[in-house]
Amino acid sequence: MEYKSRTASPELIILEVLKNRFVLSEKEKQHYRNLKKGYEGELLFDKKLSSLQEGYLILNDLLLKVNNTTFQIDTMIIANTIYVFEVKNYEGDYLYDSDRIYKKPSFEIVNPLIQLNRTESLLRQLLQSLGFNFALNTSVIFINPEFTLYQAPLDKSFIYPTQINSFLRQLNATPIKLSNQHKALAKKLVSLHQHESPYTQIPAYHEESLRKGITCKACSSFTSTIEGHKLICQACEYQEAFADAVIRTVQEIQLLLPKSKITTNLIYDWCKVEVSKRRIEKILKKNMEHIKNNRWSYFE
């Protein structure tokens, strides 16, 4: 059972919008791509875990803190043993050499076992401080089917793409009976989840540096035109209800500029389309709460 669901991180959500409206550096673009690829890999693993029998407690995306040190757990399965997984969506050919990993031919990456060992150590400290004493089993999951690691020692805690199904079958074949203590652990860990990561990397920006306009929901271009009640992208021909596109733009503004008051004038200025302010106002009134404050009003 999925006890704590997975959602895209606030950092990824902001960067997903920001990449269309702000000039990111190459380093920032690469960071965004890494976050997105990592999240996609975690979703693939979630799909695999849906084959597990009832009884397991699955906790996703835990951000925890112990002794003023923050650590993240991609996936935890609470069973008779506590399973912790570091999910990697690496793609291509890699080489293991003297505890170092290289993407062929010679680009070194951080060995995920370093992060896994750190996570295991901090989790043990946290469990001990909370009075829980469970056996831990930690592994790095390589989820991408097009991943190969050459010369990897057999004694490392790696689960390769071709081994995932058999690993899950072994879990399913193991009788499971969770105690109240297991359930108390799950509840406690979720209550300790940190909602803001200290490692977030979002570039500094301000309203004047953001590109205005309605993006295409499918391809993110700014080439859409209005035809009746539809917004039609001239780049990919995707069609969306104009009202939906306006509200989607409002949500982007609320995400990027959370201190801004949503007014008819603001949204009219942001949308950059040839419609009347009255039409924009009607959409806002239909989909949002209209707050009247003496001489001016806004929407929430």
C-alpha atoms as a PDB file:
ATOM      1  CA  MET A   1       0.000   0.000   0.000  1.00  0.00           C
ATOM      2  CA  GLU A   2       1.307   3.447  -0.914  1.00  0.00           C
ATOM      3  CA  TYR A   3       1.414   5.114   2.485  1.00  0.00           C
ATOM      4  CA  LYS A   4       3.107   8.298   1.266  1.00  0.00           C
ATOM      5  CA  SER A   5       2.613   9.150  -2.390  1.00  0.00           C
ATOM      6  CA  ARG A   6       5.178  10.678  -4.713  1.00  0.00           C
ATOM      7  CA  THR A   7       4.839  14.117  -6.249  1.00  0.00           C
ATOM      8  CA  ALA A   8       7.230  16.212  -8.270  1.00  0.00           C
ATOM      9  CA  SER A   9       9.399  18.344  -6.009  1.00  0.00           C
ATOM     10  CA  PRO A  10       8.592  22.074  -5.722  1.00  0.00           C
ATOM     11  CA  GLU A  11      12.000  22.730  -7.273  1.00  0.00           C
ATOM     12  CA  LEU A  12      11.198  20.648 -10.363  1.00  0.00           C
ATOM     13  CA  ILE A  13       7.727  22.200 -10.680  1.00  0.00           C
ATOM     14  CA  ILE A  14       9.166  25.729 -10.605  1.00  0.00           C
ATOM     15  CA  LEU A  15      11.963  24.921 -13.050  1.00  0.00           C
ATOM     16  CA  GLU A  16       9.437  23.278 -15.399  1.00  0.00           C
ATOM     17  CA  VAL A  17       7.635  26.612 -15.673  1.00  0.00           C
ATOM     18  CA  LEU A  18      10.711  28.809 -15.402  1.00  0.00           C
ATOM     19  CA  LYS A  19      12.541  27.167 -18.312  1.00  0.00           C
ATOM     20  CA  ASN A  20       9.897  28.575 -20.691  1.00  0.00           C
ATOM     21  CA  ARG A  21       9.877  32.101 -19.288  1.00  0.00           C
ATOM     22  CA  PHE A  22      13.453  32.738 -18.168  1.00  0.00           C
ATOM     23  CA  VAL A  23      16.893  32.371 -19.728  1.00  0.00           C
ATOM     24  CA  LEU A  24      18.531  29.533 -17.825  1.00  0.00           C
ATOM     25  CA  SER A  25      22.276  29.000 -17.940  1.00  0.00           C
ATOM     26  CA  GLU A  26      23.572  25.725 -19.371  1.00  0.00           C
ATOM     27  CA  LYS A  27      24.338  24.543 -15.834  1.00  0.00           C
ATOM     28  CA  GLU A  28      20.790  25.359 -14.733  1.00  0.00           C
ATOM     29  CA  LYS A  29      19.338  23.590 -17.769  1.00  0.00           C
ATOM     30  CA  GLN A  30      21.386  20.486 -16.975  1.00  0.00           C
ATOM     31  CA  HIS A  31      20.236  20.587 -13.356  1.00  0.00           C
ATOM     32  CA  TYR A  32      16.628  20.731 -14.549  1.00  0.00           C
ATOM     33  CA  ARG A  33      17.159  17.805 -16.939  1.00  0.00           C
ATOM     34  CA  ASN A  34      18.765  15.752 -14.162  1.00  0.00           C
ATOM     35  CA  LEU A  35      15.857  16.444 -11.804  1.00  0.00           C
ATOM     36  CA  LYS A  36      13.314  15.541 -14.465  1.00  0.00           C
ATOM     37  CA  LYS A  37      15.082  12.340 -15.476  1.00  0.00           C
ATOM     38  CA  GLY A  38      15.450  11.326 -11.834  1.00  0.00           C
ATOM     39  CA  TYR A  39      11.747  11.905 -11.185  1.00  0.00           C
ATOM     40  CA  GLU A  40      10.801   9.900 -14.288  1.00  0.00           C
ATOM     41  CA  GLY A  41      12.953   7.022 -13.024  1.00  0.00           C
ATOM     42  CA  GLU A  42      11.251   7.106  -9.632  1.00  0.00           C
ATOM     43  CA  LEU A  43       7.842   6.949 -11.318  1.00  0.00           C
ATOM     44  CA  LEU A  44       9.006   3.899 -13.297  1.00  0.00           C
ATOM     45  CA  PHE A  45       9.998   2.193 -10.054  1.00  0.00           C
ATOM     46  CA  ASP A  46       6.654   3.126  -8.491  1.00  0.00           C
ATOM     47  CA  LYS A  47       4.947   1.369 -11.382  1.00  0.00           C
ATOM     48  CA  LYS A  48       7.020  -1.738 -10.735  1.00  0.00           C
ATOM     49  CA  LEU A  49       6.092  -1.671  -7.051  1.00  0.00           C
ATOM     50  CA  SER A  50       2.386  -1.717  -7.899  1.00  0.00           C
ATOM     51  CA  SER A  51       2.796  -5.488  -8.390  1.00  0.00           C
ATOM     52  CA  LEU A  52       3.528  -6.019  -4.697  1.00  0.00           C
ATOM     53  CA  GLN A  53       1.000  -7.854  -2.571  1.00  0.00           C
ATOM     54  CA  GLU A  54      -1.165  -6.027  -0.059  1.00  0.00           C
ATOM     55  CA  GLY A  55       0.396  -5.425   3.334  1.00  0.00           C
ATOM     56  CA  TYR A  56       3.548  -3.505   2.498  1.00  0.00           C
ATOM     57  CA  LEU A  57       3.739   0.154   3.479  1.00  0.00           C
ATOM     58  CA  ILE A  58       5.443   2.184   0.748  1.00  0.00           C
ATOM     59  CA  LEU A  59       6.784   5.647   1.581  1.00  0.00           C
ATOM     60  CA  ASN A  60       8.041   7.818  -1.268  1.00  0.00           C
ATOM     61  CA  ASP A  61      10.190  10.949  -1.284  1.00  0.00           C
ATOM     62  CA  LEU A  62      10.940  11.223   2.408  1.00  0.00           C
ATOM     63  CA  LEU A  63      13.029  14.234   3.389  1.00  0.00           C
ATOM     64  CA  LEU A  64      14.158  13.690   6.953  1.00  0.00           C
ATOM     65  CA  LYS A  65      16.413  15.361   9.467  1.00  0.00           C
ATOM     66  CA  VAL A  66      18.563  13.988  12.264  1.00  0.00           C
ATOM     67  CA  ASN A  67      21.163  15.871  14.301  1.00  0.00           C
ATOM     68  CA  ASN A  68      20.661  18.935  12.060  1.00  0.00           C
ATOM     69  CA  THR A  69      21.528  16.887   8.969  1.00  0.00           C
ATOM     70  CA  THR A  70      18.986  16.475   6.181  1.00  0.00           C
ATOM     71  CA  PHE A  71      18.765  13.352   4.043  1.00  0.00           C
ATOM     72  CA  GLN A  72      16.396  12.030   1.417  1.00  0.00           C
ATOM     73  CA  ILE A  73      14.945   8.582   0.804  1.00  0.00           C
ATOM     74  CA  ASP A  74      13.627   7.922  -2.704  1.00  0.00           C
ATOM     75  CA  THR A  75      11.592   4.854  -1.727  1.00  0.00           C
ATOM     76  CA  MET A  76      11.100   2.962   1.527  1.00  0.00           C
ATOM     77  CA  ILE A  77       9.172  -0.280   1.910  1.00  0.00           C
ATOM     78  CA  ILE A  78       8.170  -1.209   5.441  1.00  0.00           C
ATOM     79  CA  ALA A  79       7.882  -4.965   5.737  1.00  0.00           C
ATOM     80  CA  ASN A  80       9.355  -7.464   8.180  1.00  0.00           C
ATOM     81  CA  THR A  81      12.588  -5.738   7.118  1.00  0.00           C
ATOM     82  CA  ILE A  82      12.820  -2.040   6.236  1.00  0.00           C
ATOM     83  CA  TYR A  83      13.875  -1.705   2.591  1.00  0.00           C
ATOM     84  CA  VAL A  84      15.455   1.550   1.416  1.00  0.00           C
ATOM     85  CA  PHE A  85      16.078   2.247  -2.273  1.00  0.00           C
ATOM     86  CA  GLU A  86      18.165   4.870  -4.011  1.00  0.00           C
ATOM     87  CA  VAL A  87      16.673   5.048  -7.517  1.00  0.00           C
ATOM     88  CA  LYS A  88      18.947   5.948 -10.438  1.00  0.00           C
ATOM     89  CA  ASN A  89      17.731   6.526 -13.979  1.00  0.00           C
ATOM     90  CA  TYR A  90      21.159   6.291 -15.607  1.00  0.00           C
ATOM     91  CA  GLU A  91      21.210   5.460 -19.298  1.00  0.00           C
ATOM     92  CA  GLY A  92      24.073   4.087 -21.391  1.00  0.00           C
ATOM     93  CA  ASP A  93      27.332   2.259 -20.686  1.00  0.00           C
ATOM     94  CA  TYR A  94      29.171   2.739 -17.391  1.00  0.00           C
ATOM     95  CA  LEU A  95      32.353   1.285 -15.923  1.00  0.00           C
ATOM     96  CA  TYR A  96      33.089   0.392 -12.298  1.00  0.00           C
ATOM     97  CA  ASP A  97      36.759   0.761 -11.381  1.00  0.00           C
ATOM     98  CA  SER A  98      38.274   0.895  -7.878  1.00  0.00           C
ATOM     99  CA  ASP A  99      35.032   2.079  -6.232  1.00  0.00           C
ATOM    100  CA  ARG A 100      34.598   4.744  -8.885  1.00  0.00           C
ATOM    101  CA  ILE A 101      31.996   4.824 -11.638  1.00  0.00           C
ATOM    102  CA  TYR A 102      32.587   6.298 -15.068  1.00  0.00           C
ATOM    103  CA  LYS A 103      30.200   6.919 -17.898  1.00  0.00           C
ATOM    104  CA  LYS A 104      32.091   5.536 -20.849  1.00  0.00           C
ATOM    105  CA  PRO A 105      34.544   6.429 -22.044  1.00  0.00           C
ATOM    106  CA  SER A 106      35.882   8.398 -19.046  1.00  0.00           C
ATOM    107  CA  PHE A 107      33.359  10.777 -17.408  1.00  0.00           C
ATOM    108  CA  GLU A 108      33.331  10.131 -13.651  1.00  0.00           C
ATOM    109  CA  ILE A 109      30.062  10.369 -11.734  1.00  0.00           C
ATOM    110  CA  VAL A 110      29.397  10.181  -8.020  1.00  0.00           C
ATOM    111  CA  ASN A 111      29.158   6.570  -6.903  1.00  0.00           C
ATOM    112  CA  PRO A 112      25.527   6.216  -5.685  1.00  0.00           C
ATOM    113  CA  LEU A 113      26.748   3.881  -2.946  1.00  0.00           C
ATOM    114  CA  ILE A 114      28.268   6.913  -1.220  1.00  0.00           C
ATOM    115  CA  GLN A 115      24.853   8.535  -0.983  1.00  0.00           C
ATOM    116  CA  LEU A 116      23.200   5.242  -0.044  1.00  0.00           C
ATOM    117  CA  ASN A 117      25.676   4.623   2.790  1.00  0.00           C
ATOM    118  CA  ARG A 118      25.115   8.146   4.092  1.00  0.00           C
ATOM    119  CA  THR A 119      21.333   7.649   3.974  1.00  0.00           C
ATOM    120  CA  GLU A 120      21.578   4.308   5.780  1.00  0.00           C
ATOM    121  CA  SER A 121      23.769   5.749   8.537  1.00  0.00           C
ATOM    122  CA  LEU A 122      21.505   8.743   9.127  1.00  0.00           C
ATOM    123  CA  LEU A 123      18.359   6.604   9.034  1.00  0.00           C
ATOM    124  CA  ARG A 124      19.821   4.254  11.650  1.00  0.00           C
ATOM    125  CA  GLN A 125      20.562   7.249  13.867  1.00  0.00           C
ATOM    126  CA  LEU A 126      17.018   8.548  13.414  1.00  0.00           C
ATOM    127  CA  LEU A 127      15.392   5.181  14.128  1.00  0.00           C
ATOM    128  CA  GLN A 128      17.535   4.756  17.228  1.00  0.00           C
ATOM    129  CA  SER A 129      16.567   8.211  18.500  1.00  0.00           C
ATOM    130  CA  LEU A 130      12.894   7.340  17.969  1.00  0.00           C
ATOM    131  CA  GLY A 131      13.186   4.016  19.782  1.00  0.00           C
ATOM    132  CA  PHE A 132      12.683   1.750  16.755  1.00  0.00           C
ATOM    133  CA  ASN A 133      14.875  -1.269  16.162  1.00  0.00           C
ATOM    134  CA  PHE A 134      14.326  -2.785  12.718  1.00  0.00           C
ATOM    135  CA  ALA A 135      16.654  -4.538  10.297  1.00  0.00           C
ATOM    136  CA  LEU A 136      17.557  -2.390   7.279  1.00  0.00           C
ATOM    137  CA  ASN A 137      18.161  -3.544   3.720  1.00  0.00           C
ATOM    138  CA  THR A 138      19.473  -0.826   1.394  1.00  0.00           C
ATOM    139  CA  SER A 139      19.984  -0.992  -2.363  1.00  0.00           C
ATOM    140  CA  VAL A 140      20.641   1.161  -5.407  1.00  0.00           C
ATOM    141  CA  ILE A 141      18.009   0.494  -8.069  1.00  0.00           C
ATOM    142  CA  PHE A 142      19.115   1.061 -11.665  1.00  0.00           C
ATOM    143  CA  ILE A 143      15.716   1.455 -13.272  1.00  0.00           C
ATOM    144  CA  ASN A 144      16.560   2.311 -16.886  1.00  0.00           C
ATOM    145  CA  PRO A 145      16.473  -0.791 -19.160  1.00  0.00           C
ATOM    146  CA  GLU A 146      19.215   0.739 -21.332  1.00  0.00           C
ATOM    147  CA  PHE A 147      21.743   0.894 -18.499  1.00  0.00           C
ATOM    148  CA  THR A 148      24.840  -1.320 -18.310  1.00  0.00           C
ATOM    149  CA  LEU A 149      27.556  -1.298 -15.637  1.00  0.00           C
ATOM    150  CA  TYR A 150      30.744  -3.131 -16.577  1.00  0.00           C
ATOM    151  CA  GLN A 151      33.137  -4.727 -14.077  1.00  0.00           C
ATOM    152  CA  ALA A 152      30.877  -4.166 -11.084  1.00  0.00           C
ATOM    153  CA  PRO A 153      31.781  -6.358  -8.070  1.00  0.00           C
ATOM    154  CA  LEU A 154      29.138  -8.888  -7.109  1.00  0.00           C
ATOM    155  CA  ASP A 155      29.154  -7.833  -3.446  1.00  0.00           C
ATOM    156  CA  LYS A 156      27.754  -4.331  -4.043  1.00  0.00           C
ATOM    157  CA  SER A 157      24.172  -3.385  -3.162  1.00  0.00           C
ATOM    158  CA  PHE A 158      23.123  -2.902  -6.774  1.00  0.00           C
ATOM    159  CA  ILE A 159      19.877  -4.099  -8.351  1.00  0.00           C
ATOM    160  CA  TYR A 160      20.060  -3.945 -12.139  1.00  0.00           C
ATOM    161  CA  PRO A 161      17.165  -3.477 -14.570  1.00  0.00           C
ATOM    162  CA  THR A 162      17.063  -7.197 -15.417  1.00  0.00           C
ATOM    163  CA  GLN A 163      16.939  -8.122 -11.710  1.00  0.00           C
ATOM    164  CA  ILE A 164      14.091  -5.892 -10.538  1.00  0.00           C
ATOM    165  CA  ASN A 165      11.214  -8.226 -11.428  1.00  0.00           C
ATOM    166  CA  SER A 166      12.837 -11.231  -9.774  1.00  0.00           C
ATOM    167  CA  PHE A 167      13.610  -9.133  -6.690  1.00  0.00           C
ATOM    168  CA  LEU A 168       9.948  -8.123  -6.421  1.00  0.00           C
ATOM    169  CA  ARG A 169       8.821 -11.730  -6.912  1.00  0.00           C
ATOM    170  CA  GLN A 170      11.024 -12.711  -3.968  1.00  0.00           C
ATOM    171  CA  LEU A 171       9.395 -10.005  -1.864  1.00  0.00           C
ATOM    172  CA  ASN A 172       5.942 -11.231  -2.846  1.00  0.00           C
ATOM    173  CA  ALA A 173       6.896 -14.790  -1.929  1.00  0.00           C
ATOM    174  CA  THR A 174       7.820 -13.728   1.602  1.00  0.00           C
ATOM    175  CA  PRO A 175       4.985 -13.894   4.152  1.00  0.00           C
ATOM    176  CA  ILE A 176       4.375 -10.485   5.670  1.00  0.00           C
ATOM    177  CA  LYS A 177       2.714  -9.486   8.894  1.00  0.00           C
ATOM    178  CA  LEU A 178       3.153  -5.935  10.067  1.00  0.00           C
ATOM    179  CA  SER A 179       2.887  -5.086  13.750  1.00  0.00           C
ATOM    180  CA  ASN A 180       1.523  -1.920  15.295  1.00  0.00           C
ATOM    181  CA  GLN A 181       5.129  -0.814  15.666  1.00  0.00           C
ATOM    182  CA  HIS A 182       5.658  -0.973  11.888  1.00  0.00           C
ATOM    183  CA  LYS A 183       2.572   1.168  11.371  1.00  0.00           C
ATOM    184  CA  ALA A 184       3.690   3.575  14.097  1.00  0.00           C
ATOM    185  CA  LEU A 185       7.021   3.938  12.312  1.00  0.00           C
ATOM    186  CA  ALA A 186       5.340   4.798   9.008  1.00  0.00           C
ATOM    187  CA  LYS A 187       3.125   7.377  10.688  1.00  0.00           C
ATOM    188  CA  LYS A 188       6.071   8.919  12.551  1.00  0.00           C
ATOM    189  CA  LEU A 189       8.283   9.188   9.465  1.00  0.00           C
ATOM    190  CA  VAL A 190       5.548  10.907   7.472  1.00  0.00           C
ATOM    191  CA  SER A 191       5.036  13.374  10.326  1.00  0.00           C
ATOM    192  CA  LEU A 192       8.785  14.138  10.295  1.00  0.00           C
ATOM    193  CA  HIS A 193       8.905  14.729   6.533  1.00  0.00           C
ATOM    194  CA  GLN A 194      10.484  18.103   5.715  1.00  0.00           C
ATOM    195  CA  HIS A 195       8.572  20.022   3.038  1.00  0.00           C
ATOM    196  CA  GLU A 196      11.399  22.382   2.096  1.00  0.00           C
ATOM    197  CA  SER A 197      14.767  21.072   0.974  1.00  0.00           C
ATOM    198  CA  PRO A 198      17.930  23.008   1.898  1.00  0.00           C
ATOM    199  CA  TYR A 199      19.494  21.826  -1.363  1.00  0.00           C
ATOM    200  CA  THR A 200      17.086  23.576  -3.748  1.00  0.00           C
ATOM    201  CA  GLN A 201      18.794  25.299  -6.687  1.00  0.00           C
ATOM    202  CA  ILE A 202      16.436  27.847  -8.230  1.00  0.00           C
ATOM    203  CA  PRO A 203      18.035  30.779 -10.060  1.00  0.00           C
ATOM    204  CA  ALA A 204      17.265  34.321  -8.921  1.00  0.00           C
ATOM    205  CA  TYR A 205      14.688  36.049 -11.107  1.00  0.00           C
ATOM    206  CA  HIS A 206      12.206  38.925 -10.982  1.00  0.00           C
ATOM    207  CA  GLU A 207       8.984  39.728 -12.811  1.00  0.00           C
ATOM    208  CA  GLU A 208      10.651  41.935 -15.429  1.00  0.00           C
ATOM    209  CA  SER A 209      12.964  39.083 -16.442  1.00  0.00           C
ATOM    210  CA  LEU A 210      10.103  36.656 -17.165  1.00  0.00           C
ATOM    211  CA  ARG A 211       8.650  36.201 -20.625  1.00  0.00           C
ATOM    212  CA  LYS A 212       4.914  36.866 -20.752  1.00  0.00           C
ATOM    213  CA  GLY A 213       2.330  35.097 -22.875  1.00  0.00           C
ATOM    214  CA  ILE A 214       0.367  31.842 -22.851  1.00  0.00           C
ATOM    215  CA  THR A 215       2.487  28.773 -23.501  1.00  0.00           C
ATOM    216  CA  CYS A 216       1.227  25.730 -25.383  1.00  0.00           C
ATOM    217  CA  LYS A 217       0.384  22.995 -22.916  1.00  0.00           C
ATOM    218  CA  ALA A 218       1.878  20.370 -25.238  1.00  0.00           C
ATOM    219  CA  CYS A 219       5.054  21.922 -26.647  1.00  0.00           C
ATOM    220  CA  SER A 220       5.550  25.047 -24.471  1.00  0.00           C
ATOM    221  CA  SER A 221       5.789  27.402 -27.468  1.00  0.00           C
ATOM    222  CA  PHE A 222       4.341  30.931 -27.428  1.00  0.00           C
ATOM    223  CA  THR A 223       2.726  30.646 -30.867  1.00  0.00           C
ATOM    224  CA  SER A 224      -0.901  29.920 -29.923  1.00  0.00           C
ATOM    225  CA  THR A 225      -3.809  31.909 -31.334  1.00  0.00           C
ATOM    226  CA  ILE A 226      -7.453  32.137 -30.277  1.00  0.00           C
ATOM    227  CA  GLU A 227     -10.213  30.720 -32.434  1.00  0.00           C
ATOM    228  CA  GLY A 228     -13.558  31.030 -30.680  1.00  0.00           C
ATOM    229  CA  HIS A 229     -13.286  29.268 -27.343  1.00  0.00           C
ATOM    230  CA  LYS A 230     -10.122  27.390 -28.340  1.00  0.00           C
ATOM    231  CA  LEU A 231      -6.435  28.213 -28.073  1.00  0.00           C
ATOM    232  CA  ILE A 232      -4.637  26.567 -31.001  1.00  0.00           C
ATOM    233  CA  CYS A 233      -0.878  26.159 -31.139  1.00  0.00           C
ATOM    234  CA  GLN A 234       0.607  27.130 -34.486  1.00  0.00           C
ATOM    235  CA  ALA A 235       3.694  25.009 -33.810  1.00  0.00           C
ATOM    236  CA  CYS A 236       2.161  21.616 -32.929  1.00  0.00           C
ATOM    237  CA  GLU A 237      -1.583  22.238 -33.536  1.00  0.00           C
ATOM    238  CA  TYR A 238      -2.507  21.301 -29.953  1.00  0.00           C
ATOM    239  CA  GLN A 239      -5.911  22.659 -28.932  1.00  0.00           C
ATOM    240  CA  GLU A 240      -6.942  23.734 -25.451  1.00  0.00           C
ATOM    241  CA  ALA A 241      -9.967  25.538 -24.079  1.00  0.00           C
ATOM    242  CA  PHE A 242      -8.997  29.203 -23.818  1.00  0.00           C
ATOM    243  CA  ALA A 243     -10.416  29.444 -20.284  1.00  0.00           C
ATOM    244  CA  ASP A 244      -8.259  26.489 -19.191  1.00  0.00           C
ATOM    245  CA  ALA A 245      -5.181  28.131 -20.703  1.00  0.00           C
ATOM    246  CA  VAL A 246      -5.869  31.361 -18.834  1.00  0.00           C
ATOM    247  CA  ILE A 247      -6.233  29.554 -15.499  1.00  0.00           C
ATOM    248  CA  ARG A 248      -3.079  27.561 -16.238  1.00  0.00           C
ATOM    249  CA  THR A 249      -1.265  30.867 -16.788  1.00  0.00           C
ATOM    250  CA  VAL A 250      -2.666  32.173 -13.499  1.00  0.00           C
ATOM    251  CA  GLN A 251      -1.268  29.105 -11.740  1.00  0.00           C
ATOM    252  CA  GLU A 252       2.145  29.717 -13.290  1.00  0.00           C
ATOM    253  CA  ILE A 253       2.123  33.321 -12.066  1.00  0.00           C
ATOM    254  CA  GLN A 254       1.120  32.200  -8.574  1.00  0.00           C
ATOM    255  CA  LEU A 255       4.006  29.731  -8.618  1.00  0.00           C
ATOM    256  CA  LEU A 256       6.667  32.115  -9.913  1.00  0.00           C
ATOM    257  CA  LEU A 257       5.411  35.305  -8.256  1.00  0.00           C
ATOM    258  CA  PRO A 258       3.616  34.155  -5.101  1.00  0.00           C
ATOM    259  CA  LYS A 259       3.381  37.672  -3.664  1.00  0.00           C
ATOM    260  CA  SER A 260       1.530  39.084  -6.673  1.00  0.00           C
ATOM    261  CA  LYS A 261      -2.186  39.815  -6.380  1.00  0.00           C
ATOM    262  CA  ILE A 262      -4.138  38.178  -9.198  1.00  0.00           C
ATOM    263  CA  THR A 263      -6.102  40.972 -10.852  1.00  0.00           C
ATOM    264  CA  THR A 264      -7.822  41.265 -14.211  1.00  0.00           C
ATOM    265  CA  ASN A 265      -5.245  43.801 -15.384  1.00  0.00           C
ATOM    266  CA  LEU A 266      -2.335  41.574 -14.357  1.00  0.00           C
ATOM    267  CA  ILE A 267      -3.660  38.500 -16.182  1.00  0.00           C
ATOM    268  CA  TYR A 268      -4.667  40.527 -19.239  1.00  0.00           C
ATOM    269  CA  ASP A 269      -1.131  41.921 -19.401  1.00  0.00           C
ATOM    270  CA  TRP A 270       0.432  38.467 -18.939  1.00  0.00           C
ATOM    271  CA  CYS A 271      -1.656  36.585 -21.478  1.00  0.00           C
ATOM    272  CA  LYS A 272      -0.659  38.820 -24.409  1.00  0.00           C
ATOM    273  CA  VAL A 273      -3.639  37.764 -26.534  1.00  0.00           C
ATOM    274  CA  GLU A 274      -6.157  39.745 -28.551  1.00  0.00           C
ATOM    275  CA  VAL A 275      -9.187  39.485 -26.287  1.00  0.00           C
ATOM    276  CA  SER A 276     -10.974  41.987 -24.114  1.00  0.00           C
ATOM    277  CA  LYS A 277     -10.282  42.474 -20.427  1.00  0.00           C
ATOM    278  CA  ARG A 278     -13.940  41.687 -19.844  1.00  0.00           C
ATOM    279  CA  ARG A 279     -13.478  38.191 -21.245  1.00  0.00           C
ATOM    280  CA  ILE A 280     -10.476  37.617 -18.987  1.00  0.00           C
ATOM    281  CA  GLU A 281     -12.449  38.894 -16.005  1.00  0.00           C
ATOM    282  CA  LYS A 282     -15.356  36.535 -16.725  1.00  0.00           C
ATOM    283  CA  ILE A 283     -12.955  33.560 -16.764  1.00  0.00           C
ATOM    284  CA  LEU A 284     -11.399  34.628 -13.476  1.00  0.00           C
ATOM    285  CA  LYS A 285     -14.787  35.143 -11.811  1.00  0.00           C
ATOM    286  CA  LYS A 286     -15.995  31.729 -12.955  1.00  0.00           C
ATOM    287  CA  ASN A 287     -12.923  29.822 -11.772  1.00  0.00           C
ATOM    288  CA  MET A 288     -11.634  31.766  -8.768  1.00  0.00           C
ATOM    289  CA  GLU A 289     -12.903  33.517  -5.674  1.00  0.00           C
ATOM    290  CA  HIS A 290     -13.440  37.244  -6.228  1.00  0.00           C
ATOM    291  CA  ILE A 291     -12.163  39.262  -3.271  1.00  0.00           C
ATOM    292  CA  LYS A 292     -13.428  42.835  -3.076  1.00  0.00           C
ATOM    293  CA  ASN A 293     -11.361  45.213  -0.974  1.00  0.00           C
ATOM    294  CA  ASN A 294     -12.730  48.776  -0.880  1.00  0.00           C
ATOM    295  CA  ARG A 295     -11.659  50.459  -4.148  1.00  0.00           C
ATOM    296  CA  TRP A 296      -9.963  47.474  -5.776  1.00  0.00           C
ATOM    297  CA  SER A 297     -10.374  43.742  -6.060  1.00  0.00           C
ATOM    298  CA  TYR A 298      -8.394  40.589  -6.752  1.00  0.00           C
ATOM    299  CA  PHE A 299      -8.832  36.831  -7.169  1.00  0.00           C
ATOM    300  CA  GLU A 300      -7.748  33.807  -5.160  1.00  0.00           C
END
